[in-house]
Every structure is written in C-alpha cells, then in structure tokens.
Amino acid sequence: MEKDTDWDLYRSLLGVLREGSLSAAARELGLTQPTLGRHIDELERMLGRRLFTRSRHGLSPTRAALALLPHAEAMEAASAALRRAA
C-alpha cells in the first residue's frame, strides 16, 4: 500500500502544534528535524498559507494552523479507527 503523503504532512503539522517545536515534534514522530521542516514547508506551499511564524524564539502557529487543528485531529481519529477496523 502506498503511503498517503498528504496525511504525513498533516501528522507533521499536528506534531509541531502539540510539541511546540520542530525538534520535539521530530523526536515524537520519529523523523529528522530537516524532514519535518520539509513537511511543514510542503504543506504551507500546498495550502498557500503560512502555518507558523519563525523567530529566534521558535515557532508560533498562525491562525491558519490553528484553524486546521480540529480537522487534522479528525483525520487522525479516522485513520486510527480504520486501522482498528482492518
């Protein structure tokens, strides 16, 4: 079965929102920090919106990222339900 790249990108978004940083989210997701950063960049490119503001103090979610949160969580719950049903 082919991996769902879009879901991987949204999982990365959830990880960063939950953990608050790329490095912590990368550890939690089992990814390298550069890979996670590329996921966020790709999702931003696909959506045409900035999801995080970057500063020397880290990442801050934008309104767009926060608006996606409940939908990404619903995707996560549906994915888990599908795995349980399989």
C-alpha atoms as a PDB file:
ATOM      1  CA  MET A   1       0.000   0.000   0.000  1.00  0.00           C
ATOM      2  CA  GLU A   2       1.317   3.431  -0.941  1.00  0.00           C
ATOM      3  CA  LYS A   3       1.850   5.970   1.837  1.00  0.00           C
ATOM      4  CA  ASP A   4      -0.519   8.913   1.909  1.00  0.00           C
ATOM      5  CA  THR A   5       1.852  11.836   1.644  1.00  0.00           C
ATOM      6  CA  ASP A   6      -0.811  14.391   2.481  1.00  0.00           C
ATOM      7  CA  TRP A   7      -1.611  12.573   5.732  1.00  0.00           C
ATOM      8  CA  ASP A   8       2.100  12.540   6.597  1.00  0.00           C
ATOM      9  CA  LEU A   9       2.150  16.313   6.164  1.00  0.00           C
ATOM     10  CA  TYR A  10      -0.867  16.785   8.423  1.00  0.00           C
ATOM     11  CA  ARG A  11       0.622  14.407  11.014  1.00  0.00           C
ATOM     12  CA  SER A  12       3.702  16.621  10.981  1.00  0.00           C
ATOM     13  CA  LEU A  13       1.517  19.690  11.495  1.00  0.00           C
ATOM     14  CA  LEU A  14      -0.166  18.007  14.472  1.00  0.00           C
ATOM     15  CA  GLY A  15       3.202  17.064  15.920  1.00  0.00           C
ATOM     16  CA  VAL A  16       4.548  20.610  15.774  1.00  0.00           C
ATOM     17  CA  LEU A  17       1.326  22.077  17.179  1.00  0.00           C
ATOM     18  CA  ARG A  18       1.321  19.589  20.051  1.00  0.00           C
ATOM     19  CA  GLU A  19       5.026  19.647  20.865  1.00  0.00           C
ATOM     20  CA  GLY A  20       5.660  23.331  20.202  1.00  0.00           C
ATOM     21  CA  SER A  21       8.937  22.892  18.327  1.00  0.00           C
ATOM     22  CA  LEU A  22      10.362  21.135  15.306  1.00  0.00           C
ATOM     23  CA  SER A  23      12.959  19.251  17.326  1.00  0.00           C
ATOM     24  CA  ALA A  24      10.479  17.914  19.910  1.00  0.00           C
ATOM     25  CA  ALA A  25       7.941  17.017  17.223  1.00  0.00           C
ATOM     26  CA  ALA A  26      10.608  15.283  15.128  1.00  0.00           C
ATOM     27  CA  ARG A  27      11.592  13.135  18.113  1.00  0.00           C
ATOM     28  CA  GLU A  28       7.948  12.281  18.836  1.00  0.00           C
ATOM     29  CA  LEU A  29       7.215  11.391  15.202  1.00  0.00           C
ATOM     30  CA  GLY A  30      10.462   9.505  14.613  1.00  0.00           C
ATOM     31  CA  LEU A  31      11.591  11.906  11.890  1.00  0.00           C
ATOM     32  CA  THR A  32      14.664  14.034  11.442  1.00  0.00           C
ATOM     33  CA  GLN A  33      14.232  17.743  12.054  1.00  0.00           C
ATOM     34  CA  PRO A  34      15.058  18.589   8.393  1.00  0.00           C
ATOM     35  CA  THR A  35      12.428  16.100   7.168  1.00  0.00           C
ATOM     36  CA  LEU A  36       9.816  17.575   9.482  1.00  0.00           C
ATOM     37  CA  GLY A  37      10.735  21.077   8.338  1.00  0.00           C
ATOM     38  CA  ARG A  38      10.296  19.989   4.718  1.00  0.00           C
ATOM     39  CA  HIS A  39       6.868  18.543   5.580  1.00  0.00           C
ATOM     40  CA  ILE A  40       5.758  21.867   7.064  1.00  0.00           C
ATOM     41  CA  ASP A  41       7.202  23.802   4.107  1.00  0.00           C
ATOM     42  CA  GLU A  42       5.416  21.491   1.638  1.00  0.00           C
ATOM     43  CA  LEU A  43       2.091  21.784   3.473  1.00  0.00           C
ATOM     44  CA  GLU A  44       2.429  25.579   3.517  1.00  0.00           C
ATOM     45  CA  ARG A  45       3.168  25.503  -0.221  1.00  0.00           C
ATOM     46  CA  MET A  46       0.201  23.203  -0.951  1.00  0.00           C
ATOM     47  CA  LEU A  47      -2.196  25.348   1.079  1.00  0.00           C
ATOM     48  CA  GLY A  48      -0.761  28.700   0.005  1.00  0.00           C
ATOM     49  CA  ARG A  49      -0.654  29.844   3.631  1.00  0.00           C
ATOM     50  CA  ARG A  50       1.955  30.310   6.322  1.00  0.00           C
ATOM     51  CA  LEU A  51       1.266  27.922   9.184  1.00  0.00           C
ATOM     52  CA  PHE A  52       3.959  29.132  11.556  1.00  0.00           C
ATOM     53  CA  THR A  53       5.875  32.304  12.131  1.00  0.00           C
ATOM     54  CA  ARG A  54       9.519  31.600  12.732  1.00  0.00           C
ATOM     55  CA  SER A  55      11.664  33.644  15.070  1.00  0.00           C
ATOM     56  CA  ARG A  56      14.759  33.164  17.171  1.00  0.00           C
ATOM     57  CA  HIS A  57      12.383  32.114  19.956  1.00  0.00           C
ATOM     58  CA  GLY A  58      10.930  29.246  17.914  1.00  0.00           C
ATOM     59  CA  LEU A  59       7.710  28.643  16.040  1.00  0.00           C
ATOM     60  CA  SER A  60       4.341  30.233  16.685  1.00  0.00           C
ATOM     61  CA  PRO A  61       1.238  28.844  14.968  1.00  0.00           C
ATOM     62  CA  THR A  62      -0.698  31.201  12.738  1.00  0.00           C
ATOM     63  CA  ARG A  63      -4.481  31.431  12.713  1.00  0.00           C
ATOM     64  CA  ALA A  64      -4.430  29.205   9.631  1.00  0.00           C
ATOM     65  CA  ALA A  65      -2.598  26.446  11.544  1.00  0.00           C
ATOM     66  CA  LEU A  66      -4.961  26.710  14.486  1.00  0.00           C
ATOM     67  CA  ALA A  67      -7.966  26.571  12.131  1.00  0.00           C
ATOM     68  CA  LEU A  68      -6.612  23.315  10.655  1.00  0.00           C
ATOM     69  CA  LEU A  69      -6.070  21.706  14.057  1.00  0.00           C
ATOM     70  CA  PRO A  70      -9.575  20.229  14.618  1.00  0.00           C
ATOM     71  CA  HIS A  71      -9.673  18.923  11.036  1.00  0.00           C
ATOM     72  CA  ALA A  72      -6.242  17.302  11.311  1.00  0.00           C
ATOM     73  CA  GLU A  73      -7.299  15.763  14.629  1.00  0.00           C
ATOM     74  CA  ALA A  74     -10.415  14.364  12.928  1.00  0.00           C
ATOM     75  CA  MET A  75      -8.194  12.872  10.197  1.00  0.00           C
ATOM     76  CA  GLU A  76      -6.020  11.309  12.891  1.00  0.00           C
ATOM     77  CA  ALA A  77      -9.041   9.798  14.659  1.00  0.00           C
ATOM     78  CA  ALA A  78     -10.431   8.444  11.378  1.00  0.00           C
ATOM     79  CA  SER A  79      -7.063   6.915  10.496  1.00  0.00           C
ATOM     80  CA  ALA A  80      -6.864   5.211  13.893  1.00  0.00           C
ATOM     81  CA  ALA A  81     -10.430   3.892  13.508  1.00  0.00           C
ATOM     82  CA  LEU A  82      -9.596   2.471  10.084  1.00  0.00           C
ATOM     83  CA  ARG A  83      -6.525   0.696  11.477  1.00  0.00           C
ATOM     84  CA  ARG A  84      -8.604  -0.793  14.304  1.00  0.00           C
ATOM     85  CA  ALA A  85     -11.284  -1.980  11.880  1.00  0.00           C
ATOM     86  CA  ALA A  86      -8.806  -3.610   9.489  1.00  0.00           C
END
